[in-house]
Protein backbone atom coordinates (compact mmCIF):
# COMPACT_ATOMS: atom_id res chain seq x y z
CA MET A 1 98.69 95.50 107.60
CA ASP A 2 98.14 97.13 111.12
CA ILE A 3 99.43 100.14 111.37
CA LYS A 4 98.70 103.46 113.11
CA ARG A 5 98.42 105.99 110.32
CA ARG A 6 100.94 108.80 112.49
CA ASP A 7 103.36 105.98 112.66
CA VAL A 8 103.83 105.67 109.10
CA LEU A 9 103.49 109.17 108.91
CA LYS A 10 105.65 110.35 111.43
CA GLY A 11 109.28 110.89 109.88
CA ALA A 12 108.37 109.68 106.26
CA GLY A 13 108.63 112.99 104.78
CA THR A 14 112.23 112.60 105.21
CA ALA A 15 112.13 109.58 102.49
CA ALA A 16 109.14 109.30 100.90
CA ALA A 17 105.56 110.91 101.75
CA ALA A 18 103.59 107.63 102.77
CA VAL A 19 100.34 107.45 104.50
CA ALA A 20 98.61 104.73 106.43
CA VAL A 21 95.09 104.38 108.52
CA GLY A 22 94.17 104.01 111.78
CA ALA A 23 92.47 107.13 112.78
CA PRO A 24 90.11 109.51 111.73
CA ALA A 25 90.82 111.89 108.72
CA LEU A 26 89.33 114.60 107.00
CA LEU A 27 87.47 112.67 103.79
CA THR A 28 87.25 114.80 100.18
CA PRO A 29 85.31 113.59 97.21
CA THR A 30 86.86 110.08 95.33
CA VAL A 31 87.40 110.04 92.19
CA SER A 32 87.11 106.34 89.93
CA TYR A 33 90.12 104.13 88.64
CA ALA A 34 89.73 105.58 85.08
CA GLN A 35 89.98 109.15 86.02
CA GLN A 36 93.01 108.55 88.02
CA VAL A 37 94.77 106.48 85.59
CA ASP A 38 93.59 109.68 82.82
CA ALA A 39 95.11 111.72 84.85
CA ALA A 40 98.50 109.69 85.75
CA LYS A 41 98.50 109.82 81.61
CA LYS A 42 97.62 113.65 81.71
CA TRP A 43 100.42 114.61 84.21
CA ILE A 44 103.14 111.83 82.22
CA ASP A 45 102.51 114.05 78.79
CA SER A 46 102.28 117.57 79.96
CA GLU A 47 104.57 117.73 83.25
CA PHE A 48 106.70 115.20 83.82
CA GLN A 49 109.04 115.23 80.72
CA PRO A 50 111.73 114.76 80.31
CA SER A 51 112.68 111.87 82.22
CA THR A 52 114.73 109.02 82.41
CA LEU A 53 111.99 106.29 82.44
CA SER A 54 110.24 106.29 78.72
CA LYS A 55 106.76 106.95 79.18
CA ASP A 56 105.26 103.26 79.55
CA GLN A 57 107.82 102.82 82.05
CA GLN A 58 106.36 105.97 83.86
CA MET A 59 102.75 104.72 83.44
CA ALA A 60 103.49 101.44 85.36
CA GLU A 61 104.71 103.03 88.26
CA MET A 62 101.74 105.88 88.33
CA GLU A 63 99.77 102.40 88.33
CA TRP A 64 101.39 101.19 91.30
CA PHE A 65 100.54 104.32 92.58
CA ILE A 66 97.08 104.42 91.72
CA LYS A 67 96.88 100.62 93.47
CA ALA A 68 99.02 101.40 96.58
CA SER A 69 97.10 104.57 97.56
CA ALA A 70 94.02 102.91 97.27
CA PRO A 71 92.92 102.17 100.51
CA PHE A 72 93.75 106.25 101.61
CA LYS A 73 91.49 107.77 99.13
CA GLY A 74 89.78 110.21 99.68
CA MET A 75 92.01 111.25 102.96
CA GLN A 76 93.61 114.57 103.52
CA VAL A 77 97.11 115.00 104.93
CA SER A 78 99.46 117.73 105.62
CA THR A 79 102.61 118.52 105.54
CA ALA A 80 104.74 121.57 105.71
CA SER A 81 107.82 122.65 104.33
CA GLU A 82 110.64 125.66 104.01
CA ILE A 83 109.95 128.54 101.71
CA LEU A 84 111.93 127.10 98.44
CA GLY A 85 111.82 127.08 94.81
CA ILE A 86 111.83 123.19 95.13
CA HIS A 87 108.69 123.15 97.93
CA GLU A 88 106.79 126.20 95.82
CA TYR A 89 106.83 123.69 93.06
CA GLU A 90 105.67 120.32 95.31
CA SER A 91 103.00 122.67 96.74
CA LYS A 92 101.78 124.21 93.92
CA THR A 93 102.38 121.63 90.98
CA LEU A 94 103.03 117.84 92.77
CA THR A 95 100.33 118.34 95.05
CA LYS A 96 97.71 118.57 92.46
CA ALA A 97 99.25 115.85 90.83
CA PHE A 98 99.18 113.66 93.67
CA ALA A 99 95.63 114.73 94.54
CA GLU A 100 94.46 113.61 90.63
CA ILE A 101 96.34 110.17 90.33
CA THR A 102 96.09 109.26 94.04
CA GLY A 103 92.74 110.70 95.13
CA ILE A 104 94.62 111.73 98.42
CA GLN A 105 94.64 115.45 98.95
CA VAL A 106 97.68 117.36 100.21
CA ASN A 107 97.19 120.39 102.04
CA HIS A 108 101.10 121.46 101.95
CA GLU A 109 102.09 124.82 104.37
CA MET A 110 105.03 126.80 103.61
CA MET A 111 106.79 128.73 105.89
CA ASP A 112 110.23 130.45 106.97
CA GLU A 113 113.17 128.22 108.28
CA GLY A 114 112.82 129.23 111.68
CA LEU A 115 108.98 128.60 112.21
CA ILE A 116 109.70 125.38 110.67
CA VAL A 117 112.86 124.21 112.93
CA ASP A 118 110.40 125.60 115.51
CA LYS A 119 107.48 123.79 115.18
CA ILE A 120 109.52 120.30 114.41
CA SER A 121 111.21 120.35 117.36
CA THR A 122 108.35 121.33 119.36
CA GLU A 123 106.50 118.23 117.48
CA ILE A 124 109.63 115.89 118.47
CA GLN A 125 109.81 117.39 122.21
CA SER A 126 105.81 117.04 123.12
CA GLY A 127 105.25 113.81 121.35
CA LYS A 128 102.06 115.34 119.65
CA PRO A 129 101.70 115.56 116.22
CA ILE A 130 100.84 119.22 114.23
CA TYR A 131 101.67 117.78 110.83
CA ASP A 132 101.25 114.30 108.89
CA PHE A 133 104.55 114.97 107.60
CA TRP A 134 107.36 117.06 106.85
CA MET A 135 109.06 117.94 103.78
CA ASN A 136 113.29 118.33 104.74
CA ASP A 137 115.85 118.80 103.48
CA SER A 138 119.55 117.10 103.65
CA ASP A 139 120.32 119.29 106.51
CA PHE A 140 117.43 118.64 108.88
CA ILE A 141 117.23 115.10 108.06
CA GLY A 142 119.31 113.91 110.84
CA THR A 143 117.13 115.16 113.79
CA HIS A 144 114.71 112.55 113.39
CA PRO A 145 116.92 109.63 114.19
CA ARG A 146 118.60 111.49 116.78
CA TYR A 147 115.25 112.28 118.69
CA ASN A 148 114.08 108.76 117.57
CA ASP A 149 111.48 110.49 115.34
CA ILE A 150 111.23 107.93 112.27
CA ILE A 151 109.36 104.28 112.65
CA GLY A 152 110.66 102.04 114.82
CA GLY A 153 113.99 103.81 114.44
CA SER A 154 114.82 103.22 111.26
CA LEU A 155 112.87 104.14 107.92
CA THR A 156 115.23 101.54 105.75
CA ASP A 157 113.83 98.30 108.13
CA PHE A 158 109.87 99.83 108.02
CA MET A 159 110.17 99.83 104.20
CA ALA A 160 111.23 96.48 104.04
CA GLY A 161 108.85 95.30 106.40
CA ASP A 162 105.53 96.53 107.86
CA GLY A 163 105.64 99.27 104.99
CA LYS A 164 106.48 97.35 102.22
CA GLU A 165 103.03 97.58 100.41
CA ILE A 166 103.28 101.39 100.31
CA THR A 167 106.86 101.29 99.74
CA ASN A 168 107.73 101.94 95.67
CA PRO A 169 109.28 99.19 94.67
CA ASN A 170 111.23 101.19 91.96
CA LEU A 171 112.65 103.67 94.80
CA ASP A 172 116.09 103.56 94.74
CA LEU A 173 117.33 104.83 97.41
CA ASN A 174 121.10 104.80 96.56
CA ASP A 175 120.17 107.90 94.06
CA PHE A 176 119.12 110.43 97.10
CA ILE A 177 121.49 112.56 98.75
CA GLY A 178 121.58 113.72 102.54
């Protein structure tokens, strides 16, 4: 897969948090596969309940995440989101789970809506990345395609093509809103 890190990350927060290689990244200590599996089991038992998936189905999905994230273990990525309850949960809880399960550290900055709109606009207009990905709400997602600020202009095409190896095969896009 010959993809630049920023190309994969650019706009990916609109559908999924994806990471790829190509540019230098900050490195963090890596965890073993066994530690990642243990972490996934812990999170499934302690936080990811109730679920529409059985614990076995959840574990199978976690194992996919562990394997798909292996080339990126030790990376640090940055994201930003508006200050909302769901984003607070992502920032405080899911980033910790993600780091323990994948070995990828996420630095999640939260800010007022006006500031995040300004930063996204600045990034789109300048073409210079501020964050690796954005946690967008439905009301702002359309901005990225209008500015051609997503991979090849289509996340759907990317997920079916170059990004297939890092796209969850169980992702149900019909289950998304917005």
